[in-house]
Amino acid sequence: MFRTTDIVLIAVMVSAAAFTYKTKHEAENRLDTIRKIQAQIRYEEDTIDLLNADWSLLTQPARLQKLTETFQEDLKLQVTQPQQIVGFGDIPEKPVELPEVSDEKVVSNGRQTKDKVVTGSIAR
């Protein structure tokens, strides 16, 4: 009644239907994931916009002036004089601090030694 080719073709059709269903289901899951990520992005963008608006509000010169007048006694702020402003070349460099000498074990190149550490190198 059924030939072998008919049975093979029916099996191929069922396999193709199952593969199509599986592919569609995976695509829908990925689309849901994309929508969730897009919603998170929109939320973060809205949060950034809100924070920028808050920052603009908090840093308004009139508001800052009012706060400095209110807390003048606590902050003891003074007017900046022109001679207080200097360039980068006028700022002294930070002194180089030498590390402390230690008798602890130091790992160097994968081996342990009991040498003292002086200025970041191993004394030999």
PDB file of N, CA and C in Angstrom:
ATOM      1  N   MET A   1       0.823  -1.164   0.000  1.00  0.00           N
ATOM      2  CA  MET A   1       0.000   0.000   0.000  1.00  0.00           C
ATOM      3  C   MET A   1       0.886   1.253   0.000  1.00  0.00           C
ATOM      4  N   PHE A   2       1.698   1.458   1.056  1.00  0.00           N
ATOM      5  CA  PHE A   2       2.648   2.555   1.055  1.00  0.00           C
ATOM      6  C   PHE A   2       3.977   2.057   0.533  1.00  0.00           C
ATOM      7  N   ARG A   3       4.542   2.847  -0.289  1.00  0.00           N
ATOM      8  CA  ARG A   3       5.866   2.504  -0.774  1.00  0.00           C
ATOM      9  C   ARG A   3       6.907   3.040   0.194  1.00  0.00           C
ATOM     10  N   THR A   4       8.100   2.585   0.056  1.00  0.00           N
ATOM     11  CA  THR A   4       9.198   3.022   0.910  1.00  0.00           C
ATOM     12  C   THR A   4       9.470   4.497   0.708  1.00  0.00           C
ATOM     13  N   THR A   5       9.369   4.982  -0.499  1.00  0.00           N
ATOM     14  CA  THR A   5       9.603   6.400  -0.771  1.00  0.00           C
ATOM     15  C   THR A   5       8.542   7.272  -0.114  1.00  0.00           C
ATOM     16  N   ASP A   6       7.310   6.778  -0.050  1.00  0.00           N
ATOM     17  CA  ASP A   6       6.244   7.534   0.621  1.00  0.00           C
ATOM     18  C   ASP A   6       6.550   7.692   2.106  1.00  0.00           C
ATOM     19  N   ILE A   7       6.984   6.619   2.732  1.00  0.00           N
ATOM     20  CA  ILE A   7       7.307   6.661   4.160  1.00  0.00           C
ATOM     21  C   ILE A   7       8.494   7.602   4.406  1.00  0.00           C
ATOM     22  N   VAL A   8       9.479   7.549   3.547  1.00  0.00           N
ATOM     23  CA  VAL A   8      10.638   8.423   3.674  1.00  0.00           C
ATOM     24  C   VAL A   8      10.220   9.880   3.508  1.00  0.00           C
ATOM     25  N   LEU A   9       9.375  10.166   2.535  1.00  0.00           N
ATOM     26  CA  LEU A   9       8.923  11.539   2.312  1.00  0.00           C
ATOM     27  C   LEU A   9       8.090  12.053   3.489  1.00  0.00           C
ATOM     28  N   ILE A  10       7.256  11.198   4.067  1.00  0.00           N
ATOM     29  CA  ILE A  10       6.452  11.588   5.232  1.00  0.00           C
ATOM     30  C   ILE A  10       7.380  11.889   6.410  1.00  0.00           C
ATOM     31  N   ALA A  11       8.414  11.085   6.607  1.00  0.00           N
ATOM     32  CA  ALA A  11       9.371  11.315   7.690  1.00  0.00           C
ATOM     33  C   ALA A  11      10.123  12.631   7.481  1.00  0.00           C
ATOM     34  N   VAL A  12      10.490  12.904   6.228  1.00  0.00           N
ATOM     35  CA  VAL A  12      11.174  14.157   5.923  1.00  0.00           C
ATOM     36  C   VAL A  12      10.268  15.343   6.202  1.00  0.00           C
ATOM     37  N   MET A  13       8.982  15.248   5.842  1.00  0.00           N
ATOM     38  CA  MET A  13       8.032  16.338   6.086  1.00  0.00           C
ATOM     39  C   MET A  13       7.836  16.572   7.588  1.00  0.00           C
ATOM     40  N   VAL A  14       7.719  15.501   8.357  1.00  0.00           N
ATOM     41  CA  VAL A  14       7.546  15.643   9.808  1.00  0.00           C
ATOM     42  C   VAL A  14       8.807  16.261  10.419  1.00  0.00           C
ATOM     43  N   SER A  15       9.966  15.826   9.949  1.00  0.00           N
ATOM     44  CA  SER A  15      11.226  16.387  10.446  1.00  0.00           C
ATOM     45  C   SER A  15      11.335  17.872  10.097  1.00  0.00           C
ATOM     46  N   ALA A  16      10.950  18.222   8.885  1.00  0.00           N
ATOM     47  CA  ALA A  16      11.001  19.624   8.470  1.00  0.00           C
ATOM     48  C   ALA A  16      10.037  20.461   9.299  1.00  0.00           C
ATOM     49  N   ALA A  17       8.840  19.932   9.594  1.00  0.00           N
ATOM     50  CA  ALA A  17       7.867  20.658  10.417  1.00  0.00           C
ATOM     51  C   ALA A  17       8.414  20.854  11.833  1.00  0.00           C
ATOM     52  N   ALA A  18       9.037  19.811  12.388  1.00  0.00           N
ATOM     53  CA  ALA A  18       9.601  19.913  13.738  1.00  0.00           C
ATOM     54  C   ALA A  18      10.746  20.933  13.761  1.00  0.00           C
ATOM     55  N   PHE A  19      11.608  20.903  12.760  1.00  0.00           N
ATOM     56  CA  PHE A  19      12.717  21.856  12.676  1.00  0.00           C
ATOM     57  C   PHE A  19      12.198  23.283  12.553  1.00  0.00           C
ATOM     58  N   THR A  20      11.168  23.480  11.728  1.00  0.00           N
ATOM     59  CA  THR A  20      10.584  24.811  11.551  1.00  0.00           C
ATOM     60  C   THR A  20       9.990  25.324  12.861  1.00  0.00           C
ATOM     61  N   TYR A  21       9.275  24.450  13.593  1.00  0.00           N
ATOM     62  CA  TYR A  21       8.692  24.835  14.875  1.00  0.00           C
ATOM     63  C   TYR A  21       9.794  25.223  15.870  1.00  0.00           C
ATOM     64  N   LYS A  22      10.847  24.405  15.940  1.00  0.00           N
ATOM     65  CA  LYS A  22      11.951  24.673  16.856  1.00  0.00           C
ATOM     66  C   LYS A  22      12.624  25.996  16.514  1.00  0.00           C
ATOM     67  N   THR A  23      12.879  26.253  15.241  1.00  0.00           N
ATOM     68  CA  THR A  23      13.517  27.491  14.797  1.00  0.00           C
ATOM     69  C   THR A  23      12.646  28.701  15.129  1.00  0.00           C
ATOM     70  N   LYS A  24      11.325  28.578  14.900  1.00  0.00           N
ATOM     71  CA  LYS A  24      10.403  29.672  15.202  1.00  0.00           C
ATOM     72  C   LYS A  24      10.394  29.953  16.702  1.00  0.00           C
ATOM     73  N   HIS A  25      10.391  28.911  17.516  1.00  0.00           N
ATOM     74  CA  HIS A  25      10.368  29.067  18.967  1.00  0.00           C
ATOM     75  C   HIS A  25      11.647  29.758  19.455  1.00  0.00           C
ATOM     76  N   GLU A  26      12.800  29.359  18.935  1.00  0.00           N
ATOM     77  CA  GLU A  26      14.068  29.999  19.310  1.00  0.00           C
ATOM     78  C   GLU A  26      14.097  31.461  18.874  1.00  0.00           C
ATOM     79  N   ALA A  27      13.575  31.760  17.686  1.00  0.00           N
ATOM     80  CA  ALA A  27      13.545  33.140  17.195  1.00  0.00           C
ATOM     81  C   ALA A  27      12.658  34.012  18.088  1.00  0.00           C
ATOM     82  N   GLU A  28      11.528  33.480  18.525  1.00  0.00           N
ATOM     83  CA  GLU A  28      10.629  34.231  19.406  1.00  0.00           C
ATOM     84  C   GLU A  28      11.300  34.483  20.755  1.00  0.00           C
ATOM     85  N   ASN A  29      12.027  33.491  21.270  1.00  0.00           N
ATOM     86  CA  ASN A  29      12.734  33.679  22.549  1.00  0.00           C
ATOM     87  C   ASN A  29      13.809  34.751  22.425  1.00  0.00           C
ATOM     88  N   ARG A  30      14.532  34.735  21.337  1.00  0.00           N
ATOM     89  CA  ARG A  30      15.571  35.751  21.139  1.00  0.00           C
ATOM     90  C   ARG A  30      14.960  37.132  20.945  1.00  0.00           C
ATOM     91  N   LEU A  31      13.830  37.206  20.269  1.00  0.00           N
ATOM     92  CA  LEU A  31      13.150  38.489  20.088  1.00  0.00           C
ATOM     93  C   LEU A  31      12.681  39.038  21.437  1.00  0.00           C
ATOM     94  N   ASP A  32      12.182  38.151  22.316  1.00  0.00           N
ATOM     95  CA  ASP A  32      11.799  38.588  23.660  1.00  0.00           C
ATOM     96  C   ASP A  32      13.012  39.115  24.431  1.00  0.00           C
ATOM     97  N   THR A  33      14.133  38.429  24.282  1.00  0.00           N
ATOM     98  CA  THR A  33      15.355  38.880  24.952  1.00  0.00           C
ATOM     99  C   THR A  33      15.773  40.248  24.438  1.00  0.00           C
ATOM    100  N   ILE A  34      15.698  40.446  23.132  1.00  0.00           N
ATOM    101  CA  ILE A  34      16.054  41.733  22.525  1.00  0.00           C
ATOM    102  C   ILE A  34      15.130  42.830  23.032  1.00  0.00           C
ATOM    103  N   ARG A  35      13.846  42.531  23.138  1.00  0.00           N
ATOM    104  CA  ARG A  35      12.895  43.534  23.637  1.00  0.00           C
ATOM    105  C   ARG A  35      13.193  43.906  25.085  1.00  0.00           C
ATOM    106  N   LYS A  36      13.561  42.908  25.902  1.00  0.00           N
ATOM    107  CA  LYS A  36      13.902  43.198  27.296  1.00  0.00           C
ATOM    108  C   LYS A  36      15.144  44.082  27.370  1.00  0.00           C
ATOM    109  N   ILE A  37      16.145  43.789  26.554  1.00  0.00           N
ATOM    110  CA  ILE A  37      17.374  44.587  26.547  1.00  0.00           C
ATOM    111  C   ILE A  37      17.075  46.005  26.073  1.00  0.00           C
ATOM    112  N   GLN A  38      16.229  46.146  25.046  1.00  0.00           N
ATOM    113  CA  GLN A  38      15.861  47.475  24.566  1.00  0.00           C
ATOM    114  C   GLN A  38      15.118  48.258  25.640  1.00  0.00           C
ATOM    115  N   ALA A  39      14.263  47.581  26.410  1.00  0.00           N
ATOM    116  CA  ALA A  39      13.553  48.247  27.504  1.00  0.00           C
ATOM    117  C   ALA A  39      14.542  48.699  28.578  1.00  0.00           C
ATOM    118  N   GLN A  40      15.547  47.880  28.873  1.00  0.00           N
ATOM    119  CA  GLN A  40      16.567  48.273  29.844  1.00  0.00           C
ATOM    120  C   GLN A  40      17.363  49.475  29.345  1.00  0.00           C
ATOM    121  N   ILE A  41      17.677  49.482  28.066  1.00  0.00           N
ATOM    122  CA  ILE A  41      18.414  50.602  27.485  1.00  0.00           C
ATOM    123  C   ILE A  41      17.590  51.884  27.595  1.00  0.00           C
ATOM    124  N   ARG A  42      16.294  51.806  27.256  1.00  0.00           N
ATOM    125  CA  ARG A  42      15.429  52.988  27.369  1.00  0.00           C
ATOM    126  C   ARG A  42      15.369  53.472  28.824  1.00  0.00           C
ATOM    127  N   TYR A  43      15.278  52.525  29.771  1.00  0.00           N
ATOM    128  CA  TYR A  43      15.242  52.887  31.192  1.00  0.00           C
ATOM    129  C   TYR A  43      16.526  53.596  31.598  1.00  0.00           C
ATOM    130  N   GLU A  44      17.675  53.065  31.176  1.00  0.00           N
ATOM    131  CA  GLU A  44      18.955  53.681  31.511  1.00  0.00           C
ATOM    132  C   GLU A  44      19.085  55.059  30.873  1.00  0.00           C
ATOM    133  N   GLU A  45      18.645  55.206  29.627  1.00  0.00           N
ATOM    134  CA  GLU A  45      18.696  56.512  28.964  1.00  0.00           C
ATOM    135  C   GLU A  45      17.815  57.516  29.690  1.00  0.00           C
ATOM    136  N   ASP A  46      16.619  57.083  30.111  1.00  0.00           N
ATOM    137  CA  ASP A  46      15.739  57.971  30.872  1.00  0.00           C
ATOM    138  C   ASP A  46      16.372  58.362  32.203  1.00  0.00           C
ATOM    139  N   THR A  47      17.035  57.401  32.848  1.00  0.00           N
ATOM    140  CA  THR A  47      17.707  57.687  34.111  1.00  0.00           C
ATOM    141  C   THR A  47      18.832  58.687  33.904  1.00  0.00           C
ATOM    142  N   ILE A  48      19.597  58.521  32.838  1.00  0.00           N
ATOM    143  CA  ILE A  48      20.680  59.463  32.532  1.00  0.00           C
ATOM    144  C   ILE A  48      20.118  60.859  32.284  1.00  0.00           C
ATOM    145  N   ASP A  49      19.030  60.942  31.524  1.00  0.00           N
ATOM    146  CA  ASP A  49      18.404  62.244  31.283  1.00  0.00           C
ATOM    147  C   ASP A  49      17.945  62.886  32.589  1.00  0.00           C
ATOM    148  N   LEU A  50      17.355  62.086  33.478  1.00  0.00           N
ATOM    149  CA  LEU A  50      16.892  62.597  34.763  1.00  0.00           C
ATOM    150  C   LEU A  50      18.068  63.083  35.614  1.00  0.00           C
ATOM    151  N   LEU A  51      19.154  62.313  35.628  1.00  0.00           N
ATOM    152  CA  LEU A  51      20.329  62.717  36.399  1.00  0.00           C
ATOM    153  C   LEU A  51      20.971  63.985  35.829  1.00  0.00           C
ATOM    154  N   ASN A  52      20.989  64.108  34.508  1.00  0.00           N
ATOM    155  CA  ASN A  52      21.509  65.337  33.893  1.00  0.00           C
ATOM    156  C   ASN A  52      20.653  66.536  34.266  1.00  0.00           C
ATOM    157  N   ALA A  53      19.337  66.343  34.297  1.00  0.00           N
ATOM    158  CA  ALA A  53      18.437  67.432  34.693  1.00  0.00           C
ATOM    159  C   ALA A  53      18.669  67.806  36.154  1.00  0.00           C
ATOM    160  N   ASP A  54      18.836  66.794  37.020  1.00  0.00           N
ATOM    161  CA  ASP A  54      19.126  67.068  38.427  1.00  0.00           C
ATOM    162  C   ASP A  54      20.447  67.817  38.581  1.00  0.00           C
ATOM    163  N   TRP A  55      21.459  67.391  37.827  1.00  0.00           N
ATOM    164  CA  TRP A  55      22.768  68.047  37.896  1.00  0.00           C
ATOM    165  C   TRP A  55      22.655  69.512  37.466  1.00  0.00           C
ATOM    166  N   SER A  56      21.893  69.759  36.403  1.00  0.00           N
ATOM    167  CA  SER A  56      21.708  71.133  35.938  1.00  0.00           C
ATOM    168  C   SER A  56      21.011  71.973  37.002  1.00  0.00           C
ATOM    169  N   LEU A  57      20.048  71.376  37.659  1.00  0.00           N
ATOM    170  CA  LEU A  57      19.328  72.090  38.706  1.00  0.00           C
ATOM    171  C   LEU A  57      20.243  72.371  39.900  1.00  0.00           C
ATOM    172  N   LEU A  58      21.028  71.380  40.293  1.00  0.00           N
ATOM    173  CA  LEU A  58      21.880  71.532  41.473  1.00  0.00           C
ATOM    174  C   LEU A  58      23.049  72.487  41.249  1.00  0.00           C
ATOM    175  N   THR A  59      23.473  72.656  40.013  1.00  0.00           N
ATOM    176  CA  THR A  59      24.638  73.502  39.744  1.00  0.00           C
ATOM    177  C   THR A  59      24.267  74.870  39.175  1.00  0.00           C
ATOM    178  N   GLN A  60      23.041  75.280  39.341  1.00  0.00           N
ATOM    179  CA  GLN A  60      22.650  76.614  38.888  1.00  0.00           C
ATOM    180  C   GLN A  60      23.393  77.662  39.720  1.00  0.00           C
ATOM    181  N   PRO A  61      23.978  78.648  39.072  1.00  0.00           N
ATOM    182  CA  PRO A  61      24.764  79.652  39.813  1.00  0.00           C
ATOM    183  C   PRO A  61      23.956  80.368  40.887  1.00  0.00           C
ATOM    184  N   ALA A  62      22.695  80.663  40.622  1.00  0.00           N
ATOM    185  CA  ALA A  62      21.876  81.376  41.616  1.00  0.00           C
ATOM    186  C   ALA A  62      21.696  80.510  42.874  1.00  0.00           C
ATOM    187  N   ARG A  63      21.477  79.221  42.681  1.00  0.00           N
ATOM    188  CA  ARG A  63      21.310  78.306  43.815  1.00  0.00           C
ATOM    189  C   ARG A  63      22.601  78.192  44.610  1.00  0.00           C
ATOM    190  N   LEU A  64      23.729  78.060  43.894  1.00  0.00           N
ATOM    191  CA  LEU A  64      25.017  77.957  44.579  1.00  0.00           C
ATOM    192  C   LEU A  64      25.342  79.231  45.351  1.00  0.00           C
ATOM    193  N   GLN A  65      25.009  80.387  44.777  1.00  0.00           N
ATOM    194  CA  GLN A  65      25.237  81.667  45.463  1.00  0.00           C
ATOM    195  C   GLN A  65      24.421  81.732  46.744  1.00  0.00           C
ATOM    196  N   LYS A  66      23.171  81.295  46.677  1.00  0.00           N
ATOM    197  CA  LYS A  66      22.309  81.309  47.853  1.00  0.00           C
ATOM    198  C   LYS A  66      22.865  80.376  48.934  1.00  0.00           C
ATOM    199  N   LEU A  67      23.357  79.196  48.524  1.00  0.00           N
ATOM    200  CA  LEU A  67      23.927  78.254  49.492  1.00  0.00           C
ATOM    201  C   LEU A  67      25.192  78.807  50.135  1.00  0.00           C
ATOM    202  N   THR A  68      26.031  79.473  49.349  1.00  0.00           N
ATOM    203  CA  THR A  68      27.254  80.044  49.931  1.00  0.00           C
ATOM    204  C   THR A  68      26.929  81.160  50.917  1.00  0.00           C
ATOM    205  N   GLU A  69      25.901  81.930  50.620  1.00  0.00           N
ATOM    206  CA  GLU A  69      25.504  82.980  51.559  1.00  0.00           C
ATOM    207  C   GLU A  69      24.925  82.373  52.837  1.00  0.00           C
ATOM    208  N   THR A  70      24.159  81.286  52.676  1.00  0.00           N
ATOM    209  CA  THR A  70      23.543  80.644  53.837  1.00  0.00           C
ATOM    210  C   THR A  70      24.596  80.014  54.744  1.00  0.00           C
ATOM    211  N   PHE A  71      25.601  79.363  54.170  1.00  0.00           N
ATOM    212  CA  PHE A  71      26.589  78.635  54.951  1.00  0.00           C
ATOM    213  C   PHE A  71      27.949  79.344  55.000  1.00  0.00           C
ATOM    214  N   GLN A  72      27.953  80.655  54.870  1.00  0.00           N
ATOM    215  CA  GLN A  72      29.196  81.425  54.861  1.00  0.00           C
ATOM    216  C   GLN A  72      29.973  81.230  56.153  1.00  0.00           C
ATOM    217  N   GLU A  73      29.302  81.228  57.278  1.00  0.00           N
ATOM    218  CA  GLU A  73      29.988  81.089  58.564  1.00  0.00           C
ATOM    219  C   GLU A  73      30.590  79.701  58.725  1.00  0.00           C
ATOM    220  N   ASP A  74      29.888  78.666  58.272  1.00  0.00           N
ATOM    221  CA  ASP A  74      30.385  77.299  58.414  1.00  0.00           C
ATOM    222  C   ASP A  74      31.526  77.006  57.450  1.00  0.00           C
ATOM    223  N   LEU A  75      31.413  77.494  56.223  1.00  0.00           N
ATOM    224  CA  LEU A  75      32.408  77.181  55.198  1.00  0.00           C
ATOM    225  C   LEU A  75      33.618  78.099  55.237  1.00  0.00           C
ATOM    226  N   LYS A  76      33.434  79.311  55.759  1.00  0.00           N
ATOM    227  CA  LYS A  76      34.501  80.315  55.820  1.00  0.00           C
ATOM    228  C   LYS A  76      35.146  80.519  54.448  1.00  0.00           C
ATOM    229  N   LEU A  77      34.306  80.711  53.446  1.00  0.00           N
ATOM    230  CA  LEU A  77      34.781  80.912  52.079  1.00  0.00           C
ATOM    231  C   LEU A  77      35.265  82.349  51.908  1.00  0.00           C
ATOM    232  N   GLN A  78      36.254  82.510  51.054  1.00  0.00           N
ATOM    233  CA  GLN A  78      36.786  83.836  50.754  1.00  0.00           C
ATOM    234  C   GLN A  78      36.819  84.009  49.246  1.00  0.00           C
ATOM    235  N   VAL A  79      36.833  85.247  48.824  1.00  0.00           N
ATOM    236  CA  VAL A  79      36.890  85.547  47.398  1.00  0.00           C
ATOM    237  C   VAL A  79      38.273  85.171  46.877  1.00  0.00           C
ATOM    238  N   THR A  80      38.324  84.549  45.722  1.00  0.00           N
ATOM    239  CA  THR A  80      39.596  84.155  45.110  1.00  0.00           C
ATOM    240  C   THR A  80      40.285  85.376  44.528  1.00  0.00           C
ATOM    241  N   GLN A  81      41.544  85.562  44.885  1.00  0.00           N
ATOM    242  CA  GLN A  81      42.336  86.671  44.383  1.00  0.00           C
ATOM    243  C   GLN A  81      43.052  86.228  43.100  1.00  0.00           C
ATOM    244  N   PRO A  82      43.299  87.143  42.170  1.00  0.00           N
ATOM    245  CA  PRO A  82      43.959  86.771  40.910  1.00  0.00           C
ATOM    246  C   PRO A  82      45.323  86.125  41.103  1.00  0.00           C
ATOM    247  N   GLN A  83      46.072  86.529  42.126  1.00  0.00           N
ATOM    248  CA  GLN A  83      47.393  85.948  42.324  1.00  0.00           C
ATOM    249  C   GLN A  83      47.332  84.519  42.863  1.00  0.00           C
ATOM    250  N   GLN A  84      46.158  84.035  43.254  1.00  0.00           N
ATOM    251  CA  GLN A  84      46.013  82.662  43.722  1.00  0.00           C
ATOM    252  C   GLN A  84      45.962  81.672  42.567  1.00  0.00           C
ATOM    253  N   ILE A  85      45.676  82.137  41.381  1.00  0.00           N
ATOM    254  CA  ILE A  85      45.552  81.261  40.228  1.00  0.00           C
ATOM    255  C   ILE A  85      46.930  81.110  39.583  1.00  0.00           C
ATOM    256  N   VAL A  86      47.384  79.865  39.441  1.00  0.00           N
ATOM    257  CA  VAL A  86      48.700  79.586  38.877  1.00  0.00           C
ATOM    258  C   VAL A  86      48.560  78.584  37.733  1.00  0.00           C
ATOM    259  N   GLY A  87      49.621  78.442  36.962  1.00  0.00           N
ATOM    260  CA  GLY A  87      49.647  77.468  35.877  1.00  0.00           C
ATOM    261  C   GLY A  87      50.207  76.136  36.356  1.00  0.00           C
ATOM    262  N   PHE A  88      50.187  75.137  35.509  1.00  0.00           N
ATOM    263  CA  PHE A  88      50.680  73.818  35.874  1.00  0.00           C
ATOM    264  C   PHE A  88      52.178  73.833  36.159  1.00  0.00           C
ATOM    265  N   GLY A  89      52.905  74.674  35.474  1.00  0.00           N
ATOM    266  CA  GLY A  89      54.346  74.738  35.689  1.00  0.00           C
ATOM    267  C   GLY A  89      54.727  75.274  37.058  1.00  0.00           C
ATOM    268  N   ASP A  90      53.827  76.029  37.690  1.00  0.00           N
ATOM    269  CA  ASP A  90      54.109  76.606  39.004  1.00  0.00           C
ATOM    270  C   ASP A  90      53.836  75.643  40.151  1.00  0.00           C
ATOM    271  N   ILE A  91      53.175  74.530  39.869  1.00  0.00           N
ATOM    272  CA  ILE A  91      52.845  73.557  40.909  1.00  0.00           C
ATOM    273  C   ILE A  91      54.046  72.640  41.101  1.00  0.00           C
ATOM    274  N   PRO A  92      54.525  72.478  42.327  1.00  0.00           N
ATOM    275  CA  PRO A  92      55.685  71.598  42.543  1.00  0.00           C
ATOM    276  C   PRO A  92      55.297  70.129  42.322  1.00  0.00           C
ATOM    277  N   GLU A  93      56.292  69.360  41.871  1.00  0.00           N
ATOM    278  CA  GLU A  93      56.037  67.943  41.649  1.00  0.00           C
ATOM    279  C   GLU A  93      55.941  67.219  42.977  1.00  0.00           C
ATOM    280  N   LYS A  94      55.185  66.129  42.981  1.00  0.00           N
ATOM    281  CA  LYS A  94      55.021  65.326  44.177  1.00  0.00           C
ATOM    282  C   LYS A  94      56.328  64.587  44.441  1.00  0.00           C
ATOM    283  N   PRO A  95      56.824  64.616  45.671  1.00  0.00           N
ATOM    284  CA  PRO A  95      58.085  63.914  45.955  1.00  0.00           C
ATOM    285  C   PRO A  95      57.889  62.406  45.800  1.00  0.00           C
ATOM    286  N   VAL A  96      58.928  61.740  45.312  1.00  0.00           N
ATOM    287  CA  VAL A  96      58.882  60.290  45.126  1.00  0.00           C
ATOM    288  C   VAL A  96      59.093  59.642  46.475  1.00  0.00           C
ATOM    289  N   GLU A  97      58.164  58.776  46.863  1.00  0.00           N
ATOM    290  CA  GLU A  97      58.259  58.082  48.138  1.00  0.00           C
ATOM    291  C   GLU A  97      58.880  56.718  47.896  1.00  0.00           C
ATOM    292  N   LEU A  98      59.917  56.397  48.668  1.00  0.00           N
ATOM    293  CA  LEU A  98      60.560  55.102  48.554  1.00  0.00           C
ATOM    294  C   LEU A  98      59.808  54.093  49.399  1.00  0.00           C
ATOM    295  N   PRO A  99      59.654  52.856  48.903  1.00  0.00           N
ATOM    296  CA  PRO A  99      58.964  51.853  49.717  1.00  0.00           C
ATOM    297  C   PRO A  99      59.792  51.488  50.941  1.00  0.00           C
ATOM    298  N   GLU A 100      59.110  51.001  51.948  1.00  0.00           N
ATOM    299  CA  GLU A 100      59.782  50.633  53.181  1.00  0.00           C
ATOM    300  C   GLU A 100      60.601  49.365  52.969  1.00  0.00           C
ATOM    301  N   VAL A 101      61.695  49.249  53.717  1.00  0.00           N
ATOM    302  CA  VAL A 101      62.536  48.060  53.656  1.00  0.00           C
ATOM    303  C   VAL A 101      61.840  46.963  54.437  1.00  0.00           C
ATOM    304  N   SER A 102      61.816  45.737  53.861  1.00  0.00           N
ATOM    305  CA  SER A 102      61.087  44.644  54.470  1.00  0.00           C
ATOM    306  C   SER A 102      61.933  43.379  54.456  1.00  0.00           C
ATOM    307  N   ASP A 103      61.837  42.569  55.498  1.00  0.00           N
ATOM    308  CA  ASP A 103      62.526  41.282  55.554  1.00  0.00           C
ATOM    309  C   ASP A 103      61.621  40.136  55.149  1.00  0.00           C
ATOM    310  N   GLU A 104      60.421  40.423  54.677  1.00  0.00           N
ATOM    311  CA  GLU A 104      59.474  39.377  54.304  1.00  0.00           C
ATOM    312  C   GLU A 104      59.919  38.688  53.030  1.00  0.00           C
ATOM    313  N   LYS A 105      59.351  37.505  52.800  1.00  0.00           N
ATOM    314  CA  LYS A 105      59.658  36.766  51.579  1.00  0.00           C
ATOM    315  C   LYS A 105      59.101  37.522  50.381  1.00  0.00           C
ATOM    316  N   VAL A 106      59.890  37.581  49.325  1.00  0.00           N
ATOM    317  CA  VAL A 106      59.496  38.277  48.112  1.00  0.00           C
ATOM    318  C   VAL A 106      59.534  37.272  46.978  1.00  0.00           C
ATOM    319  N   VAL A 107      58.485  37.234  46.160  1.00  0.00           N
ATOM    320  CA  VAL A 107      58.453  36.338  45.019  1.00  0.00           C
ATOM    321  C   VAL A 107      58.977  37.095  43.815  1.00  0.00           C
ATOM    322  N   SER A 108      60.040  36.579  43.196  1.00  0.00           N
ATOM    323  CA  SER A 108      60.646  37.207  42.042  1.00  0.00           C
ATOM    324  C   SER A 108      60.896  36.145  40.987  1.00  0.00           C
ATOM    325  N   ASN A 109      60.309  36.309  39.818  1.00  0.00           N
ATOM    326  CA  ASN A 109      60.489  35.367  38.716  1.00  0.00           C
ATOM    327  C   ASN A 109      60.108  33.943  39.119  1.00  0.00           C
ATOM    328  N   GLY A 110      59.090  33.802  39.960  1.00  0.00           N
ATOM    329  CA  GLY A 110      58.588  32.479  40.305  1.00  0.00           C
ATOM    330  C   GLY A 110      59.344  31.797  41.428  1.00  0.00           C
ATOM    331  N   ARG A 111      60.375  32.430  42.025  1.00  0.00           N
ATOM    332  CA  ARG A 111      61.098  31.790  43.124  1.00  0.00           C
ATOM    333  C   ARG A 111      61.030  32.694  44.347  1.00  0.00           C
ATOM    334  N   GLN A 112      61.085  32.081  45.507  1.00  0.00           N
ATOM    335  CA  GLN A 112      61.010  32.847  46.741  1.00  0.00           C
ATOM    336  C   GLN A 112      62.408  33.104  47.272  1.00  0.00           C
ATOM    337  N   THR A 113      62.615  34.331  47.751  1.00  0.00           N
ATOM    338  CA  THR A 113      63.906  34.691  48.332  1.00  0.00           C
ATOM    339  C   THR A 113      63.653  35.397  49.647  1.00  0.00           C
ATOM    340  N   LYS A 114      64.685  35.568  50.451  1.00  0.00           N
ATOM    341  CA  LYS A 114      64.577  36.313  51.707  1.00  0.00           C
ATOM    342  C   LYS A 114      65.379  37.597  51.619  1.00  0.00           C
ATOM    343  N   ASP A 115      65.468  38.180  50.428  1.00  0.00           N
ATOM    344  CA  ASP A 115      66.203  39.423  50.231  1.00  0.00           C
ATOM    345  C   ASP A 115      65.375  40.599  50.704  1.00  0.00           C
ATOM    346  N   LYS A 116      66.063  41.698  50.985  1.00  0.00           N
ATOM    347  CA  LYS A 116      65.373  42.922  51.365  1.00  0.00           C
ATOM    348  C   LYS A 116      64.943  43.658  50.108  1.00  0.00           C
ATOM    349  N   VAL A 117      63.806  44.316  50.182  1.00  0.00           N
ATOM    350  CA  VAL A 117      63.310  45.098  49.064  1.00  0.00           C
ATOM    351  C   VAL A 117      63.711  46.539  49.295  1.00  0.00           C
ATOM    352  N   VAL A 118      64.457  47.112  48.344  1.00  0.00           N
ATOM    353  CA  VAL A 118      64.885  48.498  48.432  1.00  0.00           C
ATOM    354  C   VAL A 118      64.492  49.176  47.126  1.00  0.00           C
ATOM    355  N   THR A 119      63.759  50.246  47.222  1.00  0.00           N
ATOM    356  CA  THR A 119      63.275  51.012  46.075  1.00  0.00           C
ATOM    357  C   THR A 119      62.622  50.136  45.022  1.00  0.00           C
ATOM    358  N   GLY A 120      61.855  49.168  45.451  1.00  0.00           N
ATOM    359  CA  GLY A 120      61.070  48.353  44.518  1.00  0.00           C
ATOM    360  C   GLY A 120      61.875  47.295  43.796  1.00  0.00           C
ATOM    361  N   SER A 121      63.155  47.096  44.097  1.00  0.00           N
ATOM    362  CA  SER A 121      63.926  46.051  43.456  1.00  0.00           C
ATOM    363  C   SER A 121      64.454  45.099  44.535  1.00  0.00           C
ATOM    364  N   ILE A 122      64.936  43.967  44.110  1.00  0.00           N
ATOM    365  CA  ILE A 122      65.434  42.969  45.047  1.00  0.00           C
ATOM    366  C   ILE A 122      66.935  43.135  45.199  1.00  0.00           C
ATOM    367  N   ALA A 123      67.393  43.285  46.451  1.00  0.00           N
ATOM    368  CA  ALA A 123      68.830  43.393  46.708  1.00  0.00           C
ATOM    369  C   ALA A 123      69.416  41.984  46.631  1.00  0.00           C
ATOM    370  N   ARG A 124      70.503  41.824  45.893  1.00  0.00           N
ATOM    371  CA  ARG A 124      71.077  40.484  45.728  1.00  0.00           C
ATOM    372  C   ARG A 124      72.380  40.353  46.445  1.00  0.00           C
TER     373      ARG A 124
END
